Amino acid sequence: MLGTENIKELLDYGFSLATRVKDIRDIDSPGGEKITWTEVIGSLGLITKVPKIIGDAKEAYEEWLDLDVTEVAEIKAYFADKFDLPNDRVEAIFEEVWGILLGLGKLINLLKKEVPTDTE
């Protein structure tokens, strides 16, 4: 078992990035809908994490292929806890799609394994 740490780290980064983009594009932000240099500089912390995130992506992919039923449920709940939309129906749809995507890792892993042939 590989665990779920890298998947959760990528999720956290994605949510942080999405929140930051939403905040700096908000009409009430210093530049309104335009991005200011101050907002870019304030985003440097997220930008400097990109190399680590890229490095962690391979491990997250391997974790995704190795998820068991318990880990899928854990990551699905982790996503649901952090993901919030004003429309609960749309939010529930996104959460279900996320659950399906998590389950696809196991399918891909099964398809990657060699299938014995009748001649062997």
N, C-alpha and C. Protein backbone atom coordinates (compact mmCIF):
# COMPACT_ATOMS: atom_id res chain seq x y z
N MET A 1 0.84 -1.19 0.00
CA MET A 1 0.00 0.00 0.00
C MET A 1 0.88 1.24 0.00
N LEU A 2 0.51 2.16 -0.84
CA LEU A 2 1.30 3.38 -0.98
C LEU A 2 0.77 4.53 -0.14
N GLY A 3 -0.46 4.49 0.29
CA GLY A 3 -1.02 5.58 1.07
C GLY A 3 -1.71 6.61 0.19
N THR A 4 -2.03 7.74 0.79
CA THR A 4 -2.79 8.78 0.09
C THR A 4 -2.21 10.17 0.27
N GLU A 5 -1.05 10.28 0.89
CA GLU A 5 -0.49 11.59 1.26
C GLU A 5 -0.28 12.51 0.06
N ASN A 6 0.30 11.99 -1.03
CA ASN A 6 0.57 12.83 -2.19
C ASN A 6 -0.71 13.28 -2.88
N ILE A 7 -1.70 12.42 -2.91
CA ILE A 7 -2.98 12.80 -3.51
C ILE A 7 -3.59 13.95 -2.71
N LYS A 8 -3.57 13.82 -1.39
CA LYS A 8 -4.13 14.88 -0.54
C LYS A 8 -3.34 16.18 -0.69
N GLU A 9 -2.02 16.07 -0.82
CA GLU A 9 -1.20 17.26 -0.99
C GLU A 9 -1.54 17.97 -2.30
N LEU A 10 -1.74 17.20 -3.37
CA LEU A 10 -2.14 17.80 -4.65
C LEU A 10 -3.52 18.44 -4.55
N LEU A 11 -4.43 17.79 -3.85
CA LEU A 11 -5.76 18.37 -3.64
C LEU A 11 -5.67 19.68 -2.88
N ASP A 12 -4.88 19.69 -1.80
CA ASP A 12 -4.73 20.90 -1.01
C ASP A 12 -4.17 22.04 -1.86
N TYR A 13 -3.16 21.72 -2.68
CA TYR A 13 -2.57 22.73 -3.55
C TYR A 13 -3.62 23.24 -4.55
N GLY A 14 -4.36 22.34 -5.14
CA GLY A 14 -5.38 22.74 -6.11
C GLY A 14 -6.44 23.64 -5.49
N PHE A 15 -6.89 23.29 -4.28
CA PHE A 15 -7.88 24.12 -3.61
C PHE A 15 -7.29 25.48 -3.22
N SER A 16 -6.04 25.50 -2.76
CA SER A 16 -5.40 26.76 -2.41
C SER A 16 -5.24 27.65 -3.64
N LEU A 17 -4.83 27.07 -4.74
CA LEU A 17 -4.66 27.82 -5.97
C LEU A 17 -6.00 28.37 -6.48
N ALA A 18 -7.02 27.53 -6.47
CA ALA A 18 -8.34 27.97 -6.92
C ALA A 18 -8.88 29.11 -6.05
N THR A 19 -8.68 28.99 -4.74
CA THR A 19 -9.13 30.04 -3.83
C THR A 19 -8.38 31.33 -4.08
N ARG A 20 -7.07 31.23 -4.29
CA ARG A 20 -6.25 32.43 -4.54
C ARG A 20 -6.68 33.11 -5.84
N VAL A 21 -6.89 32.34 -6.89
CA VAL A 21 -7.34 32.91 -8.16
C VAL A 21 -8.69 33.58 -7.99
N LYS A 22 -9.60 32.93 -7.29
CA LYS A 22 -10.93 33.52 -7.03
C LYS A 22 -10.79 34.83 -6.26
N ASP A 23 -9.92 34.83 -5.25
CA ASP A 23 -9.75 36.03 -4.43
C ASP A 23 -9.17 37.20 -5.22
N ILE A 24 -8.16 36.93 -6.05
CA ILE A 24 -7.53 38.05 -6.77
C ILE A 24 -8.36 38.50 -7.97
N ARG A 25 -9.30 37.67 -8.41
CA ARG A 25 -10.18 38.08 -9.51
C ARG A 25 -11.49 38.69 -9.00
N ASP A 26 -11.68 38.69 -7.70
CA ASP A 26 -12.89 39.22 -7.11
C ASP A 26 -12.98 40.72 -7.35
N ILE A 27 -14.17 41.20 -7.59
CA ILE A 27 -14.39 42.62 -7.84
C ILE A 27 -13.93 43.49 -6.67
N ASP A 28 -13.96 42.93 -5.45
CA ASP A 28 -13.54 43.68 -4.26
C ASP A 28 -12.04 43.59 -3.98
N SER A 29 -11.29 42.89 -4.81
CA SER A 29 -9.84 42.80 -4.60
C SER A 29 -9.19 44.12 -5.02
N PRO A 30 -7.93 44.36 -4.63
CA PRO A 30 -7.29 45.65 -4.94
C PRO A 30 -7.35 46.05 -6.42
N GLY A 31 -7.22 45.12 -7.32
CA GLY A 31 -7.26 45.45 -8.75
C GLY A 31 -8.60 45.19 -9.40
N GLY A 32 -9.60 44.87 -8.58
CA GLY A 32 -10.87 44.48 -9.15
C GLY A 32 -10.68 43.17 -9.90
N GLU A 33 -11.22 43.09 -11.10
CA GLU A 33 -11.08 41.86 -11.87
C GLU A 33 -9.71 41.74 -12.53
N LYS A 34 -8.93 42.81 -12.52
CA LYS A 34 -7.58 42.75 -13.06
C LYS A 34 -6.60 42.38 -11.95
N ILE A 35 -5.54 41.68 -12.32
CA ILE A 35 -4.55 41.24 -11.35
C ILE A 35 -3.46 42.30 -11.21
N THR A 36 -3.15 42.65 -9.97
CA THR A 36 -2.12 43.66 -9.71
C THR A 36 -0.80 42.97 -9.34
N TRP A 37 0.29 43.75 -9.40
CA TRP A 37 1.60 43.21 -9.01
C TRP A 37 1.59 42.79 -7.54
N THR A 38 0.90 43.53 -6.71
CA THR A 38 0.81 43.18 -5.30
C THR A 38 0.17 41.81 -5.12
N GLU A 39 -0.85 41.55 -5.90
CA GLU A 39 -1.52 40.25 -5.82
C GLU A 39 -0.63 39.13 -6.35
N VAL A 40 0.14 39.42 -7.39
CA VAL A 40 1.08 38.43 -7.93
C VAL A 40 2.14 38.11 -6.88
N ILE A 41 2.69 39.15 -6.27
CA ILE A 41 3.71 38.94 -5.23
C ILE A 41 3.12 38.18 -4.06
N GLY A 42 1.88 38.46 -3.71
CA GLY A 42 1.20 37.74 -2.63
C GLY A 42 0.94 36.27 -2.98
N SER A 43 1.03 35.94 -4.26
CA SER A 43 0.81 34.57 -4.71
C SER A 43 2.10 33.78 -4.86
N LEU A 44 3.24 34.40 -4.60
CA LEU A 44 4.54 33.75 -4.80
C LEU A 44 4.68 32.46 -3.99
N GLY A 45 4.08 32.43 -2.80
CA GLY A 45 4.16 31.22 -1.98
C GLY A 45 3.59 30.01 -2.72
N LEU A 46 2.48 30.22 -3.40
CA LEU A 46 1.88 29.12 -4.18
C LEU A 46 2.72 28.81 -5.41
N ILE A 47 3.25 29.83 -6.04
CA ILE A 47 4.04 29.63 -7.25
C ILE A 47 5.32 28.87 -6.95
N THR A 48 5.95 29.15 -5.81
CA THR A 48 7.21 28.48 -5.48
C THR A 48 7.00 26.99 -5.14
N LYS A 49 5.77 26.60 -4.87
CA LYS A 49 5.49 25.19 -4.57
C LYS A 49 5.34 24.34 -5.82
N VAL A 50 5.26 24.97 -7.00
CA VAL A 50 5.01 24.23 -8.24
C VAL A 50 6.04 23.12 -8.48
N PRO A 51 7.35 23.37 -8.35
CA PRO A 51 8.31 22.27 -8.59
C PRO A 51 8.07 21.06 -7.69
N LYS A 52 7.77 21.29 -6.42
CA LYS A 52 7.50 20.18 -5.51
C LYS A 52 6.23 19.44 -5.91
N ILE A 53 5.22 20.19 -6.29
CA ILE A 53 3.95 19.59 -6.71
C ILE A 53 4.17 18.73 -7.94
N ILE A 54 4.95 19.23 -8.89
CA ILE A 54 5.26 18.44 -10.09
C ILE A 54 5.99 17.16 -9.70
N GLY A 55 6.94 17.29 -8.78
CA GLY A 55 7.68 16.11 -8.32
C GLY A 55 6.79 15.11 -7.60
N ASP A 56 5.82 15.59 -6.87
CA ASP A 56 4.91 14.72 -6.13
C ASP A 56 3.84 14.07 -7.02
N ALA A 57 3.65 14.62 -8.22
CA ALA A 57 2.58 14.13 -9.08
C ALA A 57 2.78 12.66 -9.46
N LYS A 58 4.02 12.25 -9.72
CA LYS A 58 4.28 10.85 -10.08
C LYS A 58 3.89 9.92 -8.93
N GLU A 59 4.29 10.29 -7.72
CA GLU A 59 3.93 9.46 -6.56
C GLU A 59 2.42 9.44 -6.35
N ALA A 60 1.76 10.59 -6.58
CA ALA A 60 0.30 10.64 -6.45
C ALA A 60 -0.36 9.73 -7.46
N TYR A 61 0.18 9.69 -8.67
CA TYR A 61 -0.35 8.82 -9.71
C TYR A 61 -0.23 7.35 -9.29
N GLU A 62 0.94 6.99 -8.75
CA GLU A 62 1.15 5.61 -8.29
C GLU A 62 0.20 5.29 -7.13
N GLU A 63 -0.01 6.25 -6.23
CA GLU A 63 -0.97 6.06 -5.13
C GLU A 63 -2.37 5.83 -5.70
N TRP A 64 -2.74 6.64 -6.69
CA TRP A 64 -4.07 6.56 -7.29
C TRP A 64 -4.31 5.17 -7.89
N LEU A 65 -3.29 4.61 -8.53
CA LEU A 65 -3.44 3.28 -9.13
C LEU A 65 -3.58 2.19 -8.06
N ASP A 66 -3.12 2.49 -6.85
CA ASP A 66 -3.06 1.49 -5.78
C ASP A 66 -4.16 1.67 -4.72
N LEU A 67 -5.11 2.58 -4.92
CA LEU A 67 -6.12 2.85 -3.90
C LEU A 67 -7.02 1.64 -3.67
N ASP A 68 -7.26 1.36 -2.40
CA ASP A 68 -8.25 0.33 -2.08
C ASP A 68 -9.57 1.02 -1.74
N VAL A 69 -10.59 0.26 -1.45
CA VAL A 69 -11.93 0.80 -1.21
C VAL A 69 -11.93 1.79 -0.04
N THR A 70 -11.21 1.47 1.02
CA THR A 70 -11.14 2.33 2.19
C THR A 70 -10.48 3.66 1.85
N GLU A 71 -9.38 3.60 1.09
CA GLU A 71 -8.67 4.84 0.71
C GLU A 71 -9.51 5.70 -0.23
N VAL A 72 -10.24 5.06 -1.14
CA VAL A 72 -11.13 5.82 -2.03
C VAL A 72 -12.16 6.57 -1.20
N ALA A 73 -12.76 5.90 -0.24
CA ALA A 73 -13.75 6.54 0.63
C ALA A 73 -13.12 7.68 1.43
N GLU A 74 -11.90 7.46 1.91
CA GLU A 74 -11.19 8.48 2.70
C GLU A 74 -10.91 9.73 1.85
N ILE A 75 -10.42 9.53 0.64
CA ILE A 75 -10.10 10.69 -0.21
C ILE A 75 -11.37 11.36 -0.71
N LYS A 76 -12.39 10.57 -0.97
CA LYS A 76 -13.68 11.16 -1.38
C LYS A 76 -14.22 12.06 -0.26
N ALA A 77 -14.15 11.60 0.98
CA ALA A 77 -14.60 12.40 2.12
C ALA A 77 -13.70 13.62 2.32
N TYR A 78 -12.39 13.46 2.11
CA TYR A 78 -11.44 14.58 2.23
C TYR A 78 -11.78 15.66 1.21
N PHE A 79 -12.06 15.25 -0.02
CA PHE A 79 -12.45 16.18 -1.07
C PHE A 79 -13.75 16.88 -0.70
N ALA A 80 -14.75 16.13 -0.27
CA ALA A 80 -16.05 16.70 0.08
C ALA A 80 -15.94 17.70 1.22
N ASP A 81 -15.04 17.42 2.16
CA ASP A 81 -14.84 18.32 3.30
C ASP A 81 -14.27 19.67 2.85
N LYS A 82 -13.42 19.66 1.85
CA LYS A 82 -12.74 20.87 1.40
C LYS A 82 -13.46 21.58 0.26
N PHE A 83 -14.29 20.86 -0.48
CA PHE A 83 -14.95 21.40 -1.66
C PHE A 83 -16.31 21.93 -1.28
N ASP A 84 -16.57 23.19 -1.58
CA ASP A 84 -17.84 23.79 -1.21
C ASP A 84 -18.32 24.71 -2.33
N LEU A 85 -19.53 24.50 -2.76
CA LEU A 85 -20.18 25.37 -3.74
C LEU A 85 -21.50 25.85 -3.15
N PRO A 86 -21.96 27.02 -3.57
CA PRO A 86 -23.25 27.50 -3.06
C PRO A 86 -24.42 26.60 -3.47
N ASN A 87 -24.31 25.94 -4.62
CA ASN A 87 -25.36 25.06 -5.11
C ASN A 87 -25.05 23.63 -4.65
N ASP A 88 -25.80 23.14 -3.69
CA ASP A 88 -25.54 21.81 -3.11
C ASP A 88 -25.70 20.69 -4.14
N ARG A 89 -26.62 20.84 -5.07
CA ARG A 89 -26.82 19.81 -6.09
C ARG A 89 -25.59 19.71 -6.98
N VAL A 90 -25.09 20.84 -7.45
CA VAL A 90 -23.89 20.84 -8.30
C VAL A 90 -22.69 20.32 -7.50
N GLU A 91 -22.60 20.71 -6.25
CA GLU A 91 -21.52 20.22 -5.39
C GLU A 91 -21.58 18.69 -5.28
N ALA A 92 -22.76 18.14 -5.07
CA ALA A 92 -22.91 16.69 -4.96
C ALA A 92 -22.51 15.99 -6.27
N ILE A 93 -22.83 16.61 -7.39
CA ILE A 93 -22.44 16.05 -8.68
C ILE A 93 -20.92 16.00 -8.80
N PHE A 94 -20.25 17.09 -8.47
CA PHE A 94 -18.79 17.12 -8.52
C PHE A 94 -18.18 16.07 -7.60
N GLU A 95 -18.74 15.91 -6.42
CA GLU A 95 -18.22 14.93 -5.46
C GLU A 95 -18.38 13.51 -5.99
N GLU A 96 -19.49 13.22 -6.64
CA GLU A 96 -19.70 11.89 -7.22
C GLU A 96 -18.75 11.64 -8.39
N VAL A 97 -18.55 12.65 -9.21
CA VAL A 97 -17.59 12.52 -10.32
C VAL A 97 -16.20 12.26 -9.75
N TRP A 98 -15.84 12.96 -8.69
CA TRP A 98 -14.55 12.74 -8.04
C TRP A 98 -14.43 11.29 -7.58
N GLY A 99 -15.49 10.75 -6.99
CA GLY A 99 -15.48 9.36 -6.56
C GLY A 99 -15.28 8.40 -7.72
N ILE A 100 -15.91 8.70 -8.85
CA ILE A 100 -15.73 7.87 -10.04
C ILE A 100 -14.29 7.94 -10.53
N LEU A 101 -13.72 9.14 -10.56
CA LEU A 101 -12.33 9.29 -11.00
C LEU A 101 -11.38 8.52 -10.09
N LEU A 102 -11.65 8.54 -8.80
CA LEU A 102 -10.80 7.78 -7.86
C LEU A 102 -10.85 6.29 -8.18
N GLY A 103 -12.04 5.79 -8.49
CA GLY A 103 -12.20 4.38 -8.80
C GLY A 103 -11.56 3.97 -10.12
N LEU A 104 -11.40 4.92 -11.04
CA LEU A 104 -10.78 4.60 -12.33
C LEU A 104 -9.32 4.18 -12.19
N GLY A 105 -8.65 4.62 -11.14
CA GLY A 105 -7.26 4.21 -10.93
C GLY A 105 -7.13 2.71 -10.84
N LYS A 106 -8.02 2.09 -10.11
CA LYS A 106 -7.98 0.62 -9.97
C LYS A 106 -8.22 -0.06 -11.31
N LEU A 107 -9.17 0.48 -12.09
CA LEU A 107 -9.45 -0.09 -13.41
C LEU A 107 -8.21 0.03 -14.31
N ILE A 108 -7.58 1.18 -14.32
CA ILE A 108 -6.37 1.37 -15.14
C ILE A 108 -5.28 0.41 -14.69
N ASN A 109 -5.12 0.25 -13.40
CA ASN A 109 -4.11 -0.67 -12.88
C ASN A 109 -4.40 -2.10 -13.32
N LEU A 110 -5.65 -2.50 -13.28
CA LEU A 110 -6.01 -3.86 -13.73
C LEU A 110 -5.76 -4.04 -15.22
N LEU A 111 -6.04 -3.02 -16.00
CA LEU A 111 -5.84 -3.10 -17.45
C LEU A 111 -4.35 -3.13 -17.81
N LYS A 112 -3.51 -2.53 -16.96
CA LYS A 112 -2.07 -2.50 -17.22
C LYS A 112 -1.41 -3.86 -16.99
N LYS A 113 -2.02 -4.66 -16.14
CA LYS A 113 -1.44 -5.97 -15.83
C LYS A 113 -1.55 -6.89 -17.03
N GLU A 114 -0.55 -7.72 -17.20
CA GLU A 114 -0.57 -8.65 -18.32
C GLU A 114 -1.64 -9.70 -18.11
N VAL A 115 -2.35 -9.97 -19.17
CA VAL A 115 -3.37 -11.00 -19.15
C VAL A 115 -2.76 -12.27 -19.71
N PRO A 116 -2.83 -13.38 -18.96
CA PRO A 116 -2.25 -14.62 -19.47
C PRO A 116 -2.97 -15.07 -20.75
N THR A 117 -2.22 -15.57 -21.68
CA THR A 117 -2.81 -16.07 -22.93
C THR A 117 -2.96 -17.58 -22.83
N ASP A 118 -3.75 -18.15 -23.72
CA ASP A 118 -4.00 -19.60 -23.72
C ASP A 118 -2.76 -20.37 -24.14
N THR A 119 -1.82 -19.72 -24.82
CA THR A 119 -0.62 -20.42 -25.31
C THR A 119 0.45 -20.56 -24.25
N GLU A 120 0.27 -19.90 -23.12
CA GLU A 120 1.30 -19.98 -22.07
C GLU A 120 1.02 -21.13 -21.13
